[in-house]
C-alpha atoms as a PDB file:
ATOM      1  CA  MET A   1      50.904 225.894 -27.871  1.00  0.00           C
ATOM      2  CA  LYS A   2      49.470 228.660 -30.091  1.00  0.00           C
ATOM      3  CA  LEU A   3      45.858 228.711 -30.897  1.00  0.00           C
ATOM      4  CA  PHE A   4      44.522 232.013 -32.708  1.00  0.00           C
ATOM      5  CA  ASN A   5      45.048 234.811 -30.543  1.00  0.00           C
ATOM      6  CA  PHE A   6      45.732 232.583 -27.475  1.00  0.00           C
ATOM      7  CA  THR A   7      48.106 230.924 -25.938  1.00  0.00           C
ATOM      8  CA  VAL A   8      47.075 227.433 -24.365  1.00  0.00           C
ATOM      9  CA  LYS A   9      48.994 225.594 -21.563  1.00  0.00           C
ATOM     10  CA  SER A  10      48.106 222.195 -20.027  1.00  0.00           C
ATOM     11  CA  GLU A  11      47.485 222.121 -16.371  1.00  0.00           C
ATOM     12  CA  GLN A  12      46.730 218.555 -16.251  1.00  0.00           C
ATOM     13  CA  TYR A  13      46.539 216.150 -18.803  1.00  0.00           C
ATOM     14  CA  GLU A  14      45.878 212.496 -19.179  1.00  0.00           C
ATOM     15  CA  LYS A  15      45.602 210.643 -22.328  1.00  0.00           C
ATOM     16  CA  VAL A  16      44.712 206.693 -22.845  1.00  0.00           C
ATOM     17  CA  LYS A  17      44.564 204.378 -25.988  1.00  0.00           C
ATOM     18  CA  SER A  18      42.868 201.493 -27.034  1.00  0.00           C
ATOM     19  CA  GLY A  19      43.540 200.164 -30.787  1.00  0.00           C
ATOM     20  CA  LYS A  20      42.394 203.287 -33.112  1.00  0.00           C
ATOM     21  CA  ILE A  21      40.400 204.927 -30.289  1.00  0.00           C
ATOM     22  CA  THR A  22      42.034 207.766 -28.059  1.00  0.00           C
ATOM     23  CA  LEU A  23      40.625 209.557 -24.906  1.00  0.00           C
ATOM     24  CA  ALA A  24      42.268 212.649 -23.847  1.00  0.00           C
ATOM     25  CA  THR A  25      40.944 214.667 -20.607  1.00  0.00           C
ATOM     26  CA  GLY A  26      42.422 217.413 -18.434  1.00  0.00           C
ATOM     27  CA  LYS A  27      42.567 220.967 -17.730  1.00  0.00           C
ATOM     28  CA  ALA A  28      44.026 223.905 -19.887  1.00  0.00           C
ATOM     29  CA  ARG A  29      44.856 227.426 -19.052  1.00  0.00           C
ATOM     30  CA  ILE A  30      43.989 229.542 -21.989  1.00  0.00           C
ATOM     31  CA  ARG A  31      45.192 233.212 -22.269  1.00  0.00           C
ATOM     32  CA  SER A  32      44.475 236.058 -24.729  1.00  0.00           C
ATOM     33  CA  ASP A  33      47.959 237.563 -26.343  1.00  0.00           C
ATOM     34  CA  PHE A  34      45.856 240.912 -26.663  1.00  0.00           C
ATOM     35  CA  THR A  35      44.063 241.325 -22.857  1.00  0.00           C
ATOM     36  CA  LEU A  36      46.304 238.881 -21.214  1.00  0.00           C
ATOM     37  CA  GLU A  37      43.016 237.488 -19.605  1.00  0.00           C
ATOM     38  CA  GLU A  38      43.341 234.005 -18.402  1.00  0.00           C
ATOM     39  CA  ALA A  39      40.583 231.068 -18.009  1.00  0.00           C
ATOM     40  CA  ILE A  40      40.916 227.476 -17.095  1.00  0.00           C
ATOM     41  CA  LYS A  41      39.070 225.192 -18.914  1.00  0.00           C
ATOM     42  CA  SER A  42      38.107 221.314 -18.298  1.00  0.00           C
ATOM     43  CA  PHE A  43      38.026 219.149 -21.429  1.00  0.00           C
ATOM     44  CA  ALA A  44      37.594 215.676 -22.731  1.00  0.00           C
ATOM     45  CA  VAL A  45      38.549 214.892 -26.356  1.00  0.00           C
ATOM     46  CA  LEU A  46      37.727 211.391 -28.032  1.00  0.00           C
ATOM     47  CA  HIS A  47      39.471 210.475 -31.140  1.00  0.00           C
ATOM     48  CA  LEU A  48      37.769 207.197 -32.911  1.00  0.00           C
ATOM     49  CA  GLY A  49      40.226 207.302 -35.629  1.00  0.00           C
ATOM     50  CA  ASP A  50      40.517 209.312 -38.990  1.00  0.00           C
ATOM     51  CA  HIS A  51      38.601 212.393 -38.588  1.00  0.00           C
ATOM     52  CA  ASN A  52      36.084 211.366 -36.040  1.00  0.00           C
ATOM     53  CA  ILE A  53      36.849 213.670 -33.175  1.00  0.00           C
ATOM     54  CA  SER A  54      34.266 214.668 -30.554  1.00  0.00           C
ATOM     55  CA  GLY A  55      35.328 217.069 -27.578  1.00  0.00           C
ATOM     56  CA  GLY A  56      33.667 218.747 -24.742  1.00  0.00           C
ATOM     57  CA  LEU A  57      35.028 221.914 -23.082  1.00  0.00           C
ATOM     58  CA  ARG A  58      33.488 224.150 -20.079  1.00  0.00           C
ATOM     59  CA  ASP A  59      34.796 226.498 -17.410  1.00  0.00           C
ATOM     60  CA  ASP A  60      36.827 224.871 -14.699  1.00  0.00           C
ATOM     61  CA  GLN A  61      35.153 222.725 -12.210  1.00  0.00           C
ATOM     62  CA  ASP A  62      35.703 222.128  -8.603  1.00  0.00           C
ATOM     63  CA  GLU A  63      38.324 219.171  -8.123  1.00  0.00           C
ATOM     64  CA  GLU A  64      35.263 216.694  -7.209  1.00  0.00           C
ATOM     65  CA  ALA A  65      33.108 217.259  -9.985  1.00  0.00           C
ATOM     66  CA  PHE A  66      36.331 217.366 -12.289  1.00  0.00           C
ATOM     67  CA  ALA A  67      37.384 213.770 -10.854  1.00  0.00           C
ATOM     68  CA  SER A  68      33.891 212.328 -11.446  1.00  0.00           C
ATOM     69  CA  MET A  69      33.813 213.657 -15.221  1.00  0.00           C
ATOM     70  CA  ARG A  70      37.168 211.845 -15.527  1.00  0.00           C
ATOM     71  CA  ARG A  71      36.532 208.673 -13.483  1.00  0.00           C
ATOM     72  CA  GLU A  72      32.736 208.187 -15.437  1.00  0.00           C
ATOM     73  CA  ILE A  73      34.307 209.104 -18.991  1.00  0.00           C
ATOM     74  CA  GLY A  74      37.678 206.838 -18.347  1.00  0.00           C
ATOM     75  CA  SER A  75      35.505 203.901 -16.876  1.00  0.00           C
ATOM     76  CA  ALA A  76      33.154 204.004 -19.975  1.00  0.00           C
ATOM     77  CA  PHE A  77      36.105 204.022 -22.150  1.00  0.00           C
ATOM     78  CA  GLU A  78      38.280 200.831 -20.079  1.00  0.00           C
ATOM     79  CA  ARG A  79      34.692 198.977 -21.075  1.00  0.00           C
ATOM     80  CA  GLY A  80      35.132 200.105 -24.846  1.00  0.00           C
ATOM     81  CA  GLU A  81      31.591 201.642 -24.598  1.00  0.00           C
ATOM     82  CA  THR A  82      31.969 204.625 -27.177  1.00  0.00           C
ATOM     83  CA  THR A  83      28.370 205.378 -27.169  1.00  0.00           C
ATOM     84  CA  GLU A  84      28.333 205.903 -23.538  1.00  0.00           C
ATOM     85  CA  ILE A  85      31.253 208.256 -23.802  1.00  0.00           C
ATOM     86  CA  ILE A  86      29.567 210.365 -25.983  1.00  0.00           C
ATOM     87  CA  HIS A  87      26.436 210.608 -23.718  1.00  0.00           C
ATOM     88  CA  LEU A  88      28.978 211.203 -20.805  1.00  0.00           C
ATOM     89  CA  MET A  89      30.313 213.939 -22.758  1.00  0.00           C
ATOM     90  CA  ASP A  90      26.856 215.720 -23.363  1.00  0.00           C
ATOM     91  CA  LYS A  91      26.236 215.353 -19.557  1.00  0.00           C
ATOM     92  CA  HIS A  92      29.192 216.742 -18.183  1.00  0.00           C
ATOM     93  CA  PHE A  93      29.251 219.578 -21.129  1.00  0.00           C
ATOM     94  CA  GLY A  94      26.085 219.911 -22.355  1.00  0.00           C
ATOM     95  CA  THR A  95      25.822 222.138 -25.462  1.00  0.00           C
ATOM     96  CA  ASN A  96      29.832 223.043 -25.112  1.00  0.00           C
ATOM     97  CA  SER A  97      30.518 219.941 -27.249  1.00  0.00           C
ATOM     98  CA  PHE A  98      32.548 220.240 -30.515  1.00  0.00           C
ATOM     99  CA  SER A  99      33.771 218.424 -33.523  1.00  0.00           C
ATOM    100  CA  ILE A 100      36.313 218.826 -36.370  1.00  0.00           C
ATOM    101  CA  TRP A 101      33.374 221.174 -38.190  1.00  0.00           C
ATOM    102  CA  HIS A 102      33.429 223.669 -35.374  1.00  0.00           C
ATOM    103  CA  LEU A 103      37.136 224.718 -36.501  1.00  0.00           C
ATOM    104  CA  PHE A 104      37.629 227.259 -39.049  1.00  0.00           C
ATOM    105  CA  ARG A 105      38.633 226.288 -42.613  1.00  0.00           C
ATOM    106  CA  ASP A 106      42.660 226.787 -41.803  1.00  0.00           C
ATOM    107  CA  GLU A 107      42.394 225.045 -38.604  1.00  0.00           C
ATOM    108  CA  GLN A 108      40.553 221.805 -40.272  1.00  0.00           C
ATOM    109  CA  ARG A 109      43.234 221.693 -42.443  1.00  0.00           C
ATOM    110  CA  LYS A 110      45.900 221.585 -39.799  1.00  0.00           C
ATOM    111  CA  VAL A 111      44.187 219.197 -37.821  1.00  0.00           C
ATOM    112  CA  VAL A 112      43.388 216.761 -40.878  1.00  0.00           C
ATOM    113  CA  HIS A 113      47.037 216.838 -41.729  1.00  0.00           C
ATOM    114  CA  GLN A 114      48.440 215.556 -38.065  1.00  0.00           C
ATOM    115  CA  ILE A 115      45.519 212.883 -38.030  1.00  0.00           C
ATOM    116  CA  LEU A 116      46.672 211.446 -41.459  1.00  0.00           C
ATOM    117  CA  GLY A 117      50.321 211.621 -40.817  1.00  0.00           C
ATOM    118  CA  ALA A 118      50.365 208.094 -39.467  1.00  0.00           C
ATOM    119  CA  THR A 119      47.889 206.797 -42.638  1.00  0.00           C
ATOM    120  CA  GLN A 120      50.044 208.892 -44.732  1.00  0.00           C
ATOM    121  CA  VAL A 121      53.165 206.959 -43.699  1.00  0.00           C
ATOM    122  CA  GLY A 122      51.489 203.427 -43.761  1.00  0.00           C
ATOM    123  CA  ILE A 123      50.592 204.378 -47.228  1.00  0.00           C
ATOM    124  CA  GLU A 124      54.049 205.002 -48.169  1.00  0.00           C
ATOM    125  CA  ALA A 125      55.625 201.997 -46.537  1.00  0.00           C
ATOM    126  CA  SER A 126      52.524 200.102 -48.635  1.00  0.00           C
ATOM    127  CA  TYR A 127      53.689 201.494 -51.627  1.00  0.00           C
ATOM    128  CA  ARG A 128      57.403 201.228 -51.377  1.00  0.00           C
ATOM    129  CA  LYS A 129      57.101 197.571 -50.675  1.00  0.00           C
ATOM    130  CA  ILE A 130      55.025 197.181 -54.084  1.00  0.00           C
ATOM    131  CA  TYR A 131      57.983 199.078 -55.572  1.00  0.00           C
ATOM    132  CA  GLU A 132      60.809 197.021 -54.184  1.00  0.00           C
ATOM    133  CA  ASP A 133      59.253 193.553 -54.717  1.00  0.00           C
ATOM    134  CA  HIS A 134      57.931 194.403 -58.363  1.00  0.00           C
ATOM    135  CA  ASN A 135      61.248 196.439 -59.441  1.00  0.00           C
ATOM    136  CA  PRO A 136      62.876 193.552 -61.260  1.00  0.00           C
ATOM    137  CA  VAL A 137      59.134 192.491 -62.928  1.00  0.00           C
ATOM    138  CA  MET A 138      59.000 196.496 -63.881  1.00  0.00           C
ATOM    139  CA  ASN A 139      62.066 196.149 -65.819  1.00  0.00           C
ATOM    140  CA  PHE A 140      61.635 193.101 -67.318  1.00  0.00           C
ATOM    141  CA  LEU A 141      58.276 194.244 -68.727  1.00  0.00           C
ATOM    142  CA  SER A 142      59.480 197.570 -69.928  1.00  0.00           C
ATOM    143  CA  ALA A 143      62.230 195.601 -71.726  1.00  0.00           C
ATOM    144  CA  ILE A 144      59.749 193.523 -73.604  1.00  0.00           C
ATOM    145  CA  HIS A 145      57.391 196.531 -74.091  1.00  0.00           C
ATOM    146  CA  ILE A 146      54.357 195.160 -72.085  1.00  0.00           C
ATOM    147  CA  PRO A 147      52.588 197.824 -70.086  1.00  0.00           C
ATOM    148  CA  ILE A 148      53.325 197.823 -66.482  1.00  0.00           C
ATOM    149  CA  PRO A 149      49.875 196.942 -64.267  1.00  0.00           C
ATOM    150  CA  LYS A 150      48.265 200.087 -63.340  1.00  0.00           C
ATOM    151  CA  PRO A 151      48.559 199.286 -59.690  1.00  0.00           C
ATOM    152  CA  VAL A 152      52.234 198.671 -59.392  1.00  0.00           C
ATOM    153  CA  PHE A 153      52.828 201.573 -61.801  1.00  0.00           C
ATOM    154  CA  LEU A 154      51.281 204.010 -59.500  1.00  0.00           C
ATOM    155  CA  ALA A 155      53.069 202.823 -56.472  1.00  0.00           C
ATOM    156  CA  ALA A 156      56.355 203.033 -58.091  1.00  0.00           C
ATOM    157  CA  GLU A 157      55.511 206.620 -59.451  1.00  0.00           C
ATOM    158  CA  HIS A 158      54.820 207.786 -55.991  1.00  0.00           C
ATOM    159  CA  ILE A 159      58.215 206.329 -54.285  1.00  0.00           C
ATOM    160  CA  VAL A 160      59.803 207.780 -57.081  1.00  0.00           C
ATOM    161  CA  ASN A 161      58.457 211.254 -56.503  1.00  0.00           C
ATOM    162  CA  VAL A 162      58.893 210.931 -52.742  1.00  0.00           C
ATOM    163  CA  ASP A 163      62.625 209.444 -52.909  1.00  0.00           C
ATOM    164  CA  MET A 164      63.605 212.148 -55.540  1.00  0.00           C
ATOM    165  CA  LYS A 165      62.340 215.007 -53.353  1.00  0.00           C
ATOM    166  CA  ARG A 166      64.042 213.836 -50.172  1.00  0.00           C
ATOM    167  CA  LEU A 167      67.164 213.445 -52.127  1.00  0.00           C
ATOM    168  CA  PHE A 168      67.398 217.178 -52.432  1.00  0.00           C
ATOM    169  CA  GLU A 169      66.292 217.814 -48.875  1.00  0.00           C
ATOM    170  CA  LYS A 170      69.947 216.860 -48.038  1.00  0.00           C
ATOM    171  CA  GLU A 171      72.978 218.788 -48.297  1.00  0.00           C
ATOM    172  CA  GLU A 172      75.366 216.263 -50.057  1.00  0.00           C
ATOM    173  CA  ILE A 173      73.492 214.313 -52.840  1.00  0.00           C
ATOM    174  CA  ASP A 174      73.833 210.528 -53.343  1.00  0.00           C
ATOM    175  CA  THR A 175      74.374 210.963 -57.103  1.00  0.00           C
ATOM    176  CA  GLU A 176      74.195 207.056 -57.767  1.00  0.00           C
ATOM    177  CA  LYS A 177      70.543 207.298 -56.277  1.00  0.00           C
ATOM    178  CA  LEU A 178      69.810 210.076 -58.361  1.00  0.00           C
ATOM    179  CA  LYS A 179      71.022 208.365 -61.538  1.00  0.00           C
ATOM    180  CA  ARG A 180      68.916 205.319 -60.614  1.00  0.00           C
ATOM    181  CA  PHE A 181      65.829 207.512 -60.468  1.00  0.00           C
ATOM    182  CA  ILE A 182      66.258 209.136 -63.625  1.00  0.00           C
ATOM    183  CA  ILE A 183      66.965 205.999 -65.588  1.00  0.00           C
ATOM    184  CA  GLU A 184      63.523 204.327 -63.894  1.00  0.00           C
ATOM    185  CA  SER A 185      61.675 207.210 -64.559  1.00  0.00           C
ATOM    186  CA  SER A 186      62.663 207.068 -68.191  1.00  0.00           C
ATOM    187  CA  ARG A 187      62.621 203.266 -68.485  1.00  0.00           C
ATOM    188  CA  TRP A 188      58.767 203.210 -67.184  1.00  0.00           C
ATOM    189  CA  GLY A 189      57.681 206.187 -68.165  1.00  0.00           C
ATOM    190  CA  ILE A 190      56.952 207.927 -64.681  1.00  0.00           C
ATOM    191  CA  THR A 191      55.842 211.453 -64.355  1.00  0.00           C
ATOM    192  CA  PHE A 192      57.936 213.726 -62.020  1.00  0.00           C
ATOM    193  CA  GLU A 193      55.892 216.387 -59.627  1.00  0.00           C
ATOM    194  CA  ARG A 194      57.665 219.075 -61.507  1.00  0.00           C
ATOM    195  CA  PRO A 195      56.819 222.124 -59.635  1.00  0.00           C
ATOM    196  CA  ALA A 196      57.554 220.622 -56.616  1.00  0.00           C
ATOM    197  CA  MET A 197      60.658 219.046 -57.547  1.00  0.00           C
ATOM    198  CA  GLU A 198      61.846 222.296 -59.374  1.00  0.00           C
ATOM    199  CA  TYR A 199      61.352 224.295 -56.478  1.00  0.00           C
ATOM    200  CA  GLN A 200      63.354 221.684 -54.156  1.00  0.00           C
ATOM    201  CA  ILE A 201      66.196 221.362 -56.719  1.00  0.00           C
ATOM    202  CA  SER A 202      66.227 225.032 -57.049  1.00  0.00           C
ATOM    203  CA  LEU A 203      66.750 225.510 -53.314  1.00  0.00           C
ATOM    204  CA  TRP A 204      69.386 222.812 -53.218  1.00  0.00           C
ATOM    205  CA  VAL A 205      71.468 224.358 -55.689  1.00  0.00           C
ATOM    206  CA  THR A 206      71.283 227.869 -54.256  1.00  0.00           C
ATOM    207  CA  GLY A 207      72.422 226.192 -51.050  1.00  0.00           C
ATOM    208  CA  ARG A 208      75.388 224.533 -52.558  1.00  0.00           C
ATOM    209  CA  MET A 209      76.310 227.873 -54.144  1.00  0.00           C
ATOM    210  CA  GLU A 210      76.031 229.568 -51.067  1.00  0.00           C
ATOM    211  CA  LYS A 211      78.636 227.085 -49.827  1.00  0.00           C
ATOM    212  CA  VAL A 212      81.041 227.642 -52.801  1.00  0.00           C
ATOM    213  CA  PHE A 213      80.972 231.349 -52.056  1.00  0.00           C
ATOM    214  CA  GLN A 214      81.790 231.029 -48.395  1.00  0.00           C
ATOM    215  CA  ASN A 215      84.440 228.459 -49.431  1.00  0.00           C
ATOM    216  CA  PRO A 216      85.399 229.437 -52.979  1.00  0.00           C
ATOM    217  CA  GLU A 217      88.770 227.398 -53.097  1.00  0.00           C
ATOM    218  CA  ASP A 218      86.845 224.076 -52.526  1.00  0.00           C
ATOM    219  CA  ILE A 219      86.449 223.044 -55.977  1.00  0.00           C
ATOM    220  CA  SER A 220      84.710 219.764 -55.174  1.00  0.00           C
ATOM    221  CA  LEU A 221      81.748 221.733 -54.630  1.00  0.00           C
ATOM    222  CA  VAL A 222      81.668 223.184 -58.012  1.00  0.00           C
ATOM    223  CA  LYS A 223      82.122 220.070 -59.309  1.00  0.00           C
ATOM    224  CA  GLU A 224      79.214 218.492 -56.986  1.00  0.00           C
ATOM    225  CA  ILE A 225      76.867 221.345 -58.778  1.00  0.00           C
ATOM    226  CA  ILE A 226      77.958 220.432 -62.083  1.00  0.00           C
ATOM    227  CA  THR A 227      77.548 216.946 -61.799  1.00  0.00           C
ATOM    228  CA  VAL A 228      74.147 217.000 -60.370  1.00  0.00           C
ATOM    229  CA  LEU A 229      72.792 219.157 -63.402  1.00  0.00           C
ATOM    230  CA  GLU A 230      74.280 217.234 -65.932  1.00  0.00           C
ATOM    231  CA  LEU A 231      72.342 214.256 -64.575  1.00  0.00           C
ATOM    232  CA  LEU A 232      69.473 216.333 -64.326  1.00  0.00           C
ATOM    233  CA  GLU A 233      69.751 217.529 -68.050  1.00  0.00           C
ATOM    234  CA  PRO A 234      67.462 214.903 -69.432  1.00  0.00           C
ATOM    235  CA  LEU A 235      64.480 215.964 -67.488  1.00  0.00           C
ATOM    236  CA  SER A 236      64.361 219.326 -69.087  1.00  0.00           C
ATOM    237  CA  LEU A 237      63.398 221.220 -65.639  1.00  0.00           C
ATOM    238  CA  ASN A 238      62.626 224.799 -65.392  1.00  0.00           C
ATOM    239  CA  LEU A 239      65.302 225.487 -62.402  1.00  0.00           C
ATOM    240  CA  ASN A 240      65.218 228.884 -60.682  1.00  0.00           C
ATOM    241  CA  PHE A 241      68.641 230.123 -60.934  1.00  0.00           C
ATOM    242  CA  TRP A 242      68.336 233.530 -60.189  1.00  0.00           C
ATOM    243  CA  LYS A 243      69.956 233.766 -56.992  1.00  0.00           C
ATOM    244  CA  THR A 244      72.742 231.099 -57.939  1.00  0.00           C
ATOM    245  CA  GLN A 245      73.600 233.328 -60.954  1.00  0.00           C
ATOM    246  CA  ASN A 246      74.093 236.419 -58.595  1.00  0.00           C
ATOM    247  CA  ILE A 247      76.364 234.440 -56.288  1.00  0.00           C
ATOM    248  CA  TYR A 248      78.069 233.167 -59.632  1.00  0.00           C
ATOM    249  CA  PHE A 249      78.611 236.964 -60.938  1.00  0.00           C
ATOM    250  CA  SER A 250      80.306 237.997 -57.635  1.00  0.00           C
ATOM    251  CA  LEU A 251      82.843 235.130 -57.806  1.00  0.00           C
ATOM    252  CA  ARG A 252      83.441 235.870 -61.336  1.00  0.00           C
ATOM    253  CA  GLU A 253      83.947 239.506 -60.771  1.00  0.00           C
ATOM    254  CA  GLY A 254      86.421 239.091 -57.663  1.00  0.00           C
ATOM    255  CA  LEU A 255      88.267 235.458 -57.604  1.00  0.00           C
ATOM    256  CA  ARG A 256      88.113 234.451 -61.323  1.00  0.00           C
ATOM    257  CA  ALA A 257      90.357 237.087 -62.859  1.00  0.00           C
ATOM    258  CA  LYS A 258      92.871 236.340 -60.031  1.00  0.00           C
ATOM    259  CA  LYS A 259      92.641 232.390 -60.859  1.00  0.00           C
ATOM    260  CA  VAL A 260      92.823 233.311 -64.735  1.00  0.00           C
ATOM    261  CA  GLU A 261      96.162 235.124 -64.108  1.00  0.00           C
ATOM    262  CA  MET A 262      97.452 232.191 -61.715  1.00  0.00           C
ATOM    263  CA  ALA A 263      96.544 229.682 -64.458  1.00  0.00           C
ATOM    264  CA  GLY A 264      98.524 231.348 -66.982  1.00  0.00           C
ATOM    265  CA  GLN A 265     101.482 231.356 -64.904  1.00  0.00           C
ATOM    266  CA  GLY A 266     101.462 227.459 -64.765  1.00  0.00           C
ATOM    267  CA  ASP A 267      99.066 227.007 -61.844  1.00  0.00           C
ATOM    268  CA  GLY A 268      97.348 223.611 -62.387  1.00  0.00           C
ATOM    269  CA  SER A 269      95.130 223.874 -59.500  1.00  0.00           C
ATOM    270  CA  ALA A 270      94.245 227.695 -60.781  1.00  0.00           C
ATOM    271  CA  LYS A 271      93.510 226.167 -64.326  1.00  0.00           C
ATOM    272  CA  GLU A 272      91.394 223.341 -63.120  1.00  0.00           C
ATOM    273  CA  TRP A 273      89.233 225.783 -60.705  1.00  0.00           C
ATOM    274  CA  VAL A 274      88.603 228.266 -63.857  1.00  0.00           C
ATOM    275  CA  ASP A 275      87.824 225.424 -65.918  1.00  0.00           C
ATOM    276  CA  SER A 276      85.367 223.855 -63.395  1.00  0.00           C
ATOM    277  CA  PHE A 277      83.924 227.361 -62.746  1.00  0.00           C
ATOM    278  CA  ASP A 278      83.159 228.236 -66.333  1.00  0.00           C
ATOM    279  CA  ALA A 279      81.694 224.658 -66.513  1.00  0.00           C
ATOM    280  CA  LEU A 280      79.048 225.537 -63.835  1.00  0.00           C
ATOM    281  CA  GLY A 281      78.707 229.074 -65.561  1.00  0.00           C
ATOM    282  CA  GLU A 282      77.420 227.082 -68.913  1.00  0.00           C
ATOM    283  CA  ARG A 283      74.781 224.867 -66.722  1.00  0.00           C
ATOM    284  CA  LEU A 284      73.696 227.921 -64.935  1.00  0.00           C
ATOM    285  CA  ARG A 285      72.812 229.380 -68.495  1.00  0.00           C
ATOM    286  CA  ILE A 286      75.414 232.534 -68.336  1.00  0.00           C
ATOM    287  CA  LYS A 287      77.337 233.136 -71.046  1.00  0.00           C
ATOM    288  CA  VAL A 288      81.192 232.495 -69.741  1.00  0.00           C
ATOM    289  CA  SER A 289      83.213 234.195 -72.511  1.00  0.00           C
END
């Protein structure tokens, strides 16, 4: 594990959990990436849930002292005496006790993000249940022009945004899902998180266009991009086509001329390729003629 300019490797490690409370004790070898100096530290960390973390760190103890620390703190944990655990940590680590407040800001953000990961999963599951359970009611209320209750609307808005973003994290797009999200967003008045969505969709288009460059004869890839961009058109997104357009120009200057010639000689598949390629150019805001 990397920590600032140090490499940390566990020598001994034990973690026990009871409900939301977790206790970890052990030893870690810490090495400076600059001087290559090493030190072994004993530690104990108590996580009471959320951002409530207390830890102690000290120079390596002899095995008897280390075993005593682990035994006393572990026994208090088994009895559920959190106050006693903190008292024992003060006893064994003295002033070398720390909390999340002792971290630099970037490290605080990193730790909080990890801590809240499970919480976010739970929140999303709750929102998704609200969204799925009330989907028919939302459609009914929209049809008779009655405002959707705000808690239900916020849950639906969150889930549609999350699912829309995840849709474009995959190579192949489920166009039926995409169509449904766009219809629902329009019907319910959902606002998309545009910057994040525009960035993700732009990455997807570029990735698929790179596939076209690698497999220019596969017209299905071109048609896939066209279909997706057509479905997205009502959203009026500000997509970044810079790299995609460069790939398009490379293909137009090379392969397109050959395909146009073949189409003129009656090659139906070549004509289909040219028509689809030109249609893609229009979607990419390129003048094709």
